[in-house]
Amino acid sequence: MAGERRLIAVLRRLFGPPPAGVSAGIGDDTAIIRPEPGHDLLWTIDTLVEGIHFDLSYTPLRDLGWKAMAVNLSDIAAMGGEPQSALLSLGWPPQRELTQVLELAQGLQEAAQAYGTSIIGGDTVAAPAGLLLSVTVLGRIAAGRALRRCGARVGDAVYVTGPLGLAAAGLAVQRHGLERPALETTPLRTALLRPRPQLTAGRLLAEHRLATAAIDLSDGVASDLAQICQESGVGAVLWADAIPIPPLVAEVARHLHLNPLDLALKGGEDYQLLFTLPPGQREALAAAFQQAGLAPPIPIGQISVGPGITLALPDGEKLLAEDGFDHFPDSGVADGG
């Protein structure tokens, strides 16, 4: 117990004092937060489990800390919100040196500071089966302005905020190696281990009321777009030749005998935003992003009557399987209804 108290004291110094609006942070049984009038609260949680979400043989603890925070911040971005504070639940293997927690904590704090978030509390436990960390992020947005998955309409354009497939290609390189050591893989590693949540883009879409639906790309375009379609009661057509696949992803795919479209559409962990835009809003979208100094979003398809997602290829169309990362494939759980 004394060791845990010392660890919490060190983390408390590292994470710093609570921000305005938080009247009690680390040191009490719970944090105390004063809700801001005129705003809705956004509350999200993600859990990363060793052996499922990360492999410490190629994931430094500092990068793992960054990623654990960033994937939660990406959820806030997808809603168009602004992150404020975070809680950490950490399961630490007893056989691992406790001092290594500080490497993990440094990565968490780096991501939190980079995106205006304060870590205000949490819990630490022993986890003999392997490292586990769960981060909860609380954010805010003007009342009624949150982006949802359920608003896409037939005729809306489908956009993404950036290139696809870099993280998936980075994971493929880590798992299978690459025969060409001269190939520059740093951008792939950065995309995999240090994703950048698209918070500014999300806020623009919400503030300017541009997007009818939005989601962050964690499991892959095929899976995540399918969630928008399901929630909105629509289908979609994706244009294969419009998918923004960086040359480096295509080159890695060629050397590893992979399909670059699969990396881009099904690989996941891009943490770009995918959103739908009504007809007639294209110029307003471009102007808003240009004024903010952001690269313009990329149109990759259109919402259709449905059902399902169709991939338009040069030689015809095919139904796109809703592949992506799934924690419980073939679970046998029936749909409710």
Protein backbone atom coordinates (compact mmCIF):
# COMPACT_ATOMS: atom_id res chain seq x y z
CA MET A 1 0.00 0.00 0.00
CA ALA A 2 2.84 2.35 0.81
CA GLY A 3 4.28 1.75 -2.66
CA GLU A 4 0.94 2.59 -4.26
CA ARG A 5 0.66 5.81 -2.23
CA ARG A 6 4.16 6.85 -3.26
CA LEU A 7 3.31 6.14 -6.89
CA ILE A 8 0.14 8.22 -6.69
CA ALA A 9 2.06 11.07 -5.10
CA VAL A 10 4.58 11.03 -7.96
CA LEU A 11 1.82 10.89 -10.56
CA ARG A 12 0.00 13.73 -8.82
CA ARG A 13 3.05 15.94 -9.21
CA LEU A 14 3.52 14.87 -12.83
CA PHE A 15 -0.10 15.52 -13.83
CA GLY A 16 -0.23 18.86 -12.00
CA PRO A 17 -3.05 20.71 -10.23
CA PRO A 18 -6.65 20.50 -11.44
CA PRO A 19 -7.80 23.15 -13.93
CA ALA A 20 -10.53 25.75 -13.51
CA GLY A 21 -13.91 24.11 -13.23
CA VAL A 22 -12.48 21.18 -11.24
CA SER A 23 -12.72 21.93 -7.53
CA ALA A 24 -11.19 18.61 -6.42
CA GLY A 25 -8.83 16.37 -8.34
CA ILE A 26 -6.28 13.75 -7.32
CA GLY A 27 -6.32 13.06 -3.59
CA ASP A 28 -10.03 12.58 -2.87
CA ASP A 29 -12.38 9.66 -3.46
CA THR A 30 -13.78 11.38 -6.56
CA ALA A 31 -13.05 14.43 -8.64
CA ILE A 32 -15.50 17.32 -8.36
CA ILE A 33 -16.45 19.11 -11.57
CA ARG A 34 -18.72 22.11 -12.01
CA PRO A 35 -20.78 21.76 -15.22
CA GLU A 36 -20.75 24.86 -17.40
CA PRO A 37 -24.15 26.40 -18.17
CA GLY A 38 -25.19 26.19 -21.80
CA HIS A 39 -23.00 23.19 -22.58
CA ASP A 40 -23.54 19.45 -22.90
CA LEU A 41 -21.01 17.10 -21.30
CA LEU A 42 -19.23 14.51 -23.44
CA TRP A 43 -18.00 11.42 -21.61
CA THR A 44 -16.00 8.61 -23.21
CA ILE A 45 -13.85 5.66 -22.14
CA ASP A 46 -11.42 3.33 -23.91
CA THR A 47 -9.52 0.36 -22.52
CA LEU A 48 -6.25 -1.00 -23.91
CA VAL A 49 -5.25 -4.57 -23.01
CA GLU A 50 -1.79 -6.04 -23.48
CA GLY A 51 -1.76 -8.73 -26.16
CA ILE A 52 -4.97 -7.43 -27.77
CA HIS A 53 -4.47 -3.72 -28.38
CA PHE A 54 -0.71 -3.42 -28.08
CA ASP A 55 2.50 -5.44 -28.08
CA LEU A 56 5.24 -4.13 -25.81
CA SER A 57 7.91 -5.75 -27.98
CA TYR A 58 7.56 -2.82 -30.38
CA THR A 59 5.48 -0.32 -28.37
CA PRO A 60 7.47 1.88 -25.96
CA LEU A 61 5.57 2.64 -22.78
CA ARG A 62 5.76 6.38 -23.44
CA ASP A 63 4.10 5.92 -26.84
CA LEU A 64 1.49 3.64 -25.28
CA GLY A 65 0.60 6.40 -22.83
CA TRP A 66 0.21 8.90 -25.66
CA LYS A 67 -1.98 6.52 -27.66
CA ALA A 68 -4.20 5.64 -24.70
CA MET A 69 -5.01 9.32 -24.24
CA ALA A 70 -5.23 10.11 -27.96
CA VAL A 71 -7.82 7.44 -28.81
CA ASN A 72 -10.17 8.93 -26.20
CA LEU A 73 -9.54 12.46 -27.42
CA SER A 74 -10.43 11.22 -30.91
CA ASP A 75 -13.88 10.23 -29.61
CA ILE A 76 -14.36 13.80 -28.34
CA ALA A 77 -13.24 15.07 -31.76
CA ALA A 78 -15.82 12.91 -33.50
CA MET A 79 -18.56 14.62 -31.48
CA GLY A 80 -17.20 18.08 -32.30
CA GLY A 81 -16.30 18.74 -28.69
CA GLU A 82 -13.51 20.16 -26.56
CA PRO A 83 -11.76 17.84 -24.07
CA GLN A 84 -11.33 19.08 -20.52
CA SER A 85 -10.25 16.39 -18.06
CA ALA A 86 -9.35 12.73 -17.84
CA LEU A 87 -9.30 9.83 -15.40
CA LEU A 88 -6.82 6.92 -15.55
CA SER A 89 -7.39 3.35 -14.40
CA LEU A 90 -4.15 1.38 -14.50
CA GLY A 91 -3.60 -2.34 -14.04
CA TRP A 92 0.14 -2.91 -13.62
CA PRO A 93 1.83 -6.36 -13.73
CA PRO A 94 3.60 -6.99 -10.39
CA GLN A 95 6.60 -8.54 -12.20
CA ARG A 96 7.30 -5.30 -14.07
CA GLU A 97 9.36 -2.55 -12.44
CA LEU A 98 7.01 0.00 -10.88
CA THR A 99 9.29 2.85 -11.92
CA GLN A 100 8.33 2.12 -15.54
CA VAL A 101 4.88 3.51 -14.77
CA LEU A 102 6.47 6.94 -15.06
CA GLU A 103 7.35 6.32 -18.72
CA LEU A 104 3.73 5.49 -19.41
CA ALA A 105 2.55 8.49 -17.40
CA GLN A 106 4.84 10.83 -19.33
CA GLY A 107 3.22 9.79 -22.59
CA LEU A 108 -0.24 10.27 -21.12
CA GLN A 109 0.67 13.73 -19.86
CA GLU A 110 2.29 14.74 -23.17
CA ALA A 111 -0.91 13.96 -25.09
CA ALA A 112 -3.09 15.56 -22.42
CA GLN A 113 -1.08 18.79 -22.46
CA ALA A 114 -0.89 18.87 -26.25
CA TYR A 115 -4.69 18.91 -26.46
CA GLY A 116 -5.64 20.99 -23.42
CA THR A 117 -6.67 18.15 -21.11
CA SER A 118 -5.89 17.64 -17.41
CA ILE A 119 -5.59 14.24 -15.71
CA ILE A 120 -7.55 14.69 -12.47
CA GLY A 121 -7.70 11.24 -10.86
CA GLY A 122 -8.01 7.49 -11.31
CA ASP A 123 -7.09 4.15 -9.79
CA THR A 124 -4.12 1.76 -9.73
CA VAL A 125 -4.25 -2.01 -9.20
CA ALA A 126 -2.04 -5.05 -9.69
CA ALA A 127 -2.75 -6.95 -12.93
CA PRO A 128 -0.89 -10.31 -13.01
CA ALA A 129 -2.24 -11.22 -16.49
CA GLY A 130 -0.66 -8.20 -18.19
CA LEU A 131 -0.73 -4.45 -18.50
CA LEU A 132 -4.15 -2.82 -18.78
CA LEU A 133 -5.01 0.83 -18.92
CA SER A 134 -8.36 2.51 -19.22
CA VAL A 135 -8.74 6.24 -19.81
CA THR A 136 -11.93 8.24 -19.37
CA VAL A 137 -12.13 11.70 -20.92
CA LEU A 138 -14.72 14.34 -20.11
CA GLY A 139 -15.39 17.06 -22.68
CA ARG A 140 -17.89 19.75 -23.45
CA ILE A 141 -19.80 21.20 -26.40
CA ALA A 142 -22.37 23.93 -26.80
CA ALA A 143 -25.78 22.50 -25.98
CA GLY A 144 -27.37 20.73 -28.94
CA ARG A 145 -24.32 21.02 -31.20
CA ALA A 146 -22.80 17.53 -30.79
CA LEU A 147 -22.15 15.57 -33.97
CA ARG A 148 -23.92 12.21 -34.06
CA ARG A 149 -23.83 9.07 -36.20
CA CYS A 150 -27.54 9.14 -36.95
CA GLY A 151 -27.99 12.16 -39.23
CA ALA A 152 -26.68 11.05 -42.63
CA ARG A 153 -29.15 11.54 -45.49
CA VAL A 154 -29.36 10.16 -49.02
CA GLY A 155 -27.34 12.42 -51.32
CA ASP A 156 -24.85 13.55 -48.64
CA ALA A 157 -21.21 13.31 -49.61
CA VAL A 158 -18.86 11.12 -47.54
CA TYR A 159 -15.61 12.79 -46.49
CA VAL A 160 -12.47 11.92 -44.52
CA THR A 161 -10.13 14.45 -42.95
CA GLY A 162 -6.87 12.86 -44.06
CA PRO A 163 -4.96 9.94 -45.58
CA LEU A 164 -5.84 6.35 -44.76
CA GLY A 165 -3.83 3.18 -44.13
CA LEU A 166 -0.67 4.55 -42.53
CA ALA A 167 -1.25 2.93 -39.12
CA ALA A 168 -2.34 -0.37 -40.69
CA ALA A 169 0.78 -0.40 -42.84
CA GLY A 170 2.87 0.39 -39.76
CA LEU A 171 1.34 -2.54 -37.90
CA ALA A 172 1.98 -4.83 -40.87
CA VAL A 173 5.64 -3.79 -40.93
CA GLN A 174 5.99 -4.43 -37.18
CA ARG A 175 4.37 -7.86 -37.41
CA HIS A 176 5.91 -9.14 -40.65
CA GLY A 177 9.05 -7.11 -41.15
CA LEU A 178 10.13 -5.55 -44.41
CA GLU A 179 12.81 -6.79 -46.77
CA ARG A 180 13.69 -3.24 -47.81
CA PRO A 181 15.39 -1.69 -44.76
CA ALA A 182 16.03 1.50 -46.75
CA LEU A 183 12.30 2.24 -46.93
CA GLU A 184 11.43 5.17 -44.65
CA THR A 185 8.92 3.74 -42.19
CA THR A 186 9.00 6.50 -39.56
CA PRO A 187 5.66 8.02 -40.73
CA LEU A 188 4.07 4.58 -40.40
CA ARG A 189 5.40 4.09 -36.89
CA THR A 190 4.27 7.58 -35.88
CA ALA A 191 0.78 6.98 -37.25
CA LEU A 192 0.55 3.67 -35.37
CA LEU A 193 1.98 4.75 -32.02
CA ARG A 194 1.32 8.51 -31.86
CA PRO A 195 -2.05 9.16 -33.56
CA ARG A 196 -3.26 12.76 -33.78
CA PRO A 197 -6.90 13.27 -32.78
CA GLN A 198 -8.66 15.64 -35.18
CA LEU A 199 -10.08 17.96 -32.53
CA THR A 200 -9.87 21.17 -34.53
CA ALA A 201 -11.59 19.57 -37.50
CA GLY A 202 -14.35 18.19 -35.30
CA ARG A 203 -14.97 21.58 -33.68
CA LEU A 204 -15.18 23.24 -37.11
CA LEU A 205 -17.75 20.74 -38.32
CA ALA A 206 -19.88 21.27 -35.21
CA GLU A 207 -19.53 25.04 -34.91
CA HIS A 208 -20.36 25.66 -38.57
CA ARG A 209 -23.10 23.00 -38.57
CA LEU A 210 -21.54 21.36 -41.61
CA ALA A 211 -21.65 17.62 -40.93
CA THR A 212 -24.88 15.64 -40.76
CA ALA A 213 -23.09 12.65 -39.17
CA ALA A 214 -19.56 11.89 -38.01
CA ILE A 215 -17.39 9.14 -36.53
CA ASP A 216 -13.69 8.71 -35.82
CA LEU A 217 -11.87 6.03 -37.78
CA SER A 218 -10.74 3.55 -35.16
CA ASP A 219 -11.87 0.21 -36.63
CA GLY A 220 -11.59 1.11 -40.33
CA VAL A 221 -13.69 2.91 -42.96
CA ALA A 222 -15.66 -0.22 -43.88
CA SER A 223 -16.72 -0.87 -40.29
CA ASP A 224 -17.08 2.72 -39.10
CA LEU A 225 -19.05 3.95 -42.12
CA ALA A 226 -21.32 0.93 -41.65
CA GLN A 227 -22.12 2.25 -38.16
CA ILE A 228 -23.18 5.62 -39.59
CA CYS A 229 -25.29 3.83 -42.20
CA GLN A 230 -26.94 1.62 -39.59
CA GLU A 231 -27.70 4.49 -37.23
CA SER A 232 -28.98 6.68 -40.09
CA GLY A 233 -30.94 4.00 -41.97
CA VAL A 234 -29.03 4.52 -45.23
CA GLY A 235 -26.38 2.91 -47.44
CA ALA A 236 -23.28 4.30 -49.13
CA VAL A 237 -21.16 4.12 -52.26
CA LEU A 238 -17.39 4.52 -51.93
CA TRP A 239 -15.22 5.47 -54.91
CA ALA A 240 -12.12 3.27 -54.90
CA ASP A 241 -10.08 5.70 -56.98
CA ALA A 242 -10.83 8.53 -54.50
CA ILE A 243 -9.56 6.74 -51.36
CA PRO A 244 -6.54 8.76 -50.12
CA ILE A 245 -3.84 6.08 -49.96
CA PRO A 246 -0.36 7.57 -49.40
CA PRO A 247 2.40 6.30 -51.74
CA LEU A 248 4.25 4.84 -48.74
CA VAL A 249 1.24 2.67 -47.86
CA ALA A 250 1.01 1.44 -51.44
CA GLU A 251 4.73 0.65 -51.46
CA VAL A 252 4.57 -1.29 -48.18
CA ALA A 253 1.52 -3.18 -49.45
CA ARG A 254 3.39 -4.14 -52.61
CA HIS A 255 6.41 -5.48 -50.71
CA LEU A 256 4.28 -7.39 -48.19
CA HIS A 257 1.88 -8.69 -50.87
CA LEU A 258 -1.08 -6.90 -49.36
CA ASN A 259 -3.94 -5.00 -50.95
CA PRO A 260 -3.49 -1.26 -50.28
CA LEU A 261 -7.27 -0.76 -50.43
CA ASP A 262 -7.66 -3.28 -47.62
CA LEU A 263 -5.13 -1.38 -45.51
CA ALA A 264 -6.97 1.89 -46.16
CA LEU A 265 -10.55 0.66 -45.76
CA LYS A 266 -10.23 -2.15 -43.22
CA GLY A 267 -6.96 -1.61 -41.36
CA GLY A 268 -8.24 0.85 -38.77
CA GLU A 269 -6.50 3.12 -36.24
CA ASP A 270 -6.28 6.08 -38.62
CA TYR A 271 -8.13 8.31 -36.12
CA GLN A 272 -9.14 10.64 -38.93
CA LEU A 273 -12.76 11.78 -38.94
CA LEU A 274 -15.27 10.37 -41.40
CA PHE A 275 -18.32 12.56 -41.89
CA THR A 276 -21.23 13.24 -44.21
CA LEU A 277 -21.85 16.62 -45.83
CA PRO A 278 -25.13 17.87 -47.31
CA PRO A 279 -25.28 18.96 -50.98
CA GLY A 280 -24.40 22.62 -51.40
CA GLN A 281 -22.05 22.79 -48.41
CA ARG A 282 -18.83 21.94 -50.22
CA GLU A 283 -17.63 25.54 -50.58
CA ALA A 284 -18.47 26.36 -46.96
CA LEU A 285 -16.52 23.29 -45.84
CA ALA A 286 -13.45 24.24 -47.87
CA ALA A 287 -13.56 27.83 -46.63
CA ALA A 288 -13.86 26.84 -42.96
CA PHE A 289 -10.91 24.47 -43.14
CA GLN A 290 -8.77 26.90 -45.14
CA GLN A 291 -9.42 29.69 -42.65
CA ALA A 292 -8.35 27.37 -39.82
CA GLY A 293 -5.16 26.41 -41.66
CA LEU A 294 -6.24 22.78 -42.11
CA ALA A 295 -5.90 20.63 -45.21
CA PRO A 296 -9.23 20.29 -47.01
CA PRO A 297 -11.21 17.09 -46.28
CA ILE A 298 -11.32 14.51 -49.04
CA PRO A 299 -14.59 13.28 -50.64
CA ILE A 300 -14.59 9.49 -50.95
CA GLY A 301 -18.20 8.58 -51.63
CA GLN A 302 -21.88 9.35 -51.26
CA ILE A 303 -24.76 8.26 -49.06
CA SER A 304 -27.27 6.09 -50.94
CA VAL A 305 -30.61 4.45 -50.29
CA GLY A 306 -28.91 1.24 -49.18
CA PRO A 307 -28.71 -1.19 -47.62
CA GLY A 308 -25.00 -1.87 -47.36
CA ILE A 309 -21.86 -0.18 -48.67
CA THR A 310 -20.87 -0.55 -52.32
CA LEU A 311 -17.30 -0.09 -53.51
CA ALA A 312 -17.12 1.39 -57.02
CA LEU A 313 -14.06 -0.05 -58.80
CA PRO A 314 -12.82 0.66 -62.35
CA ASP A 315 -14.15 -2.73 -63.47
CA GLY A 316 -17.51 -2.53 -61.71
CA GLU A 317 -19.08 -2.42 -58.26
CA LYS A 318 -19.00 -4.86 -55.38
CA LEU A 319 -20.58 -4.99 -51.95
CA LEU A 320 -18.01 -4.03 -49.34
CA ALA A 321 -17.85 -6.37 -46.37
CA GLU A 322 -18.08 -4.51 -43.06
CA ASP A 323 -14.66 -5.75 -41.98
CA GLY A 324 -12.70 -4.09 -39.25
CA PHE A 325 -11.46 -4.79 -35.76
CA ASP A 326 -14.08 -6.62 -33.69
CA HIS A 327 -13.56 -7.62 -30.06
CA PHE A 328 -16.29 -10.26 -30.19
CA PRO A 329 -16.48 -11.86 -33.66
CA ASP A 330 -19.03 -14.67 -34.02
CA SER A 331 -20.17 -14.10 -30.46
CA GLY A 332 -23.50 -15.84 -30.99
CA VAL A 333 -25.37 -12.92 -29.41
CA ALA A 334 -28.62 -12.30 -31.27
CA ASP A 335 -29.69 -8.82 -32.35
CA GLY A 336 -32.15 -7.19 -29.98
CA GLY A 337 -35.63 -6.37 -31.15
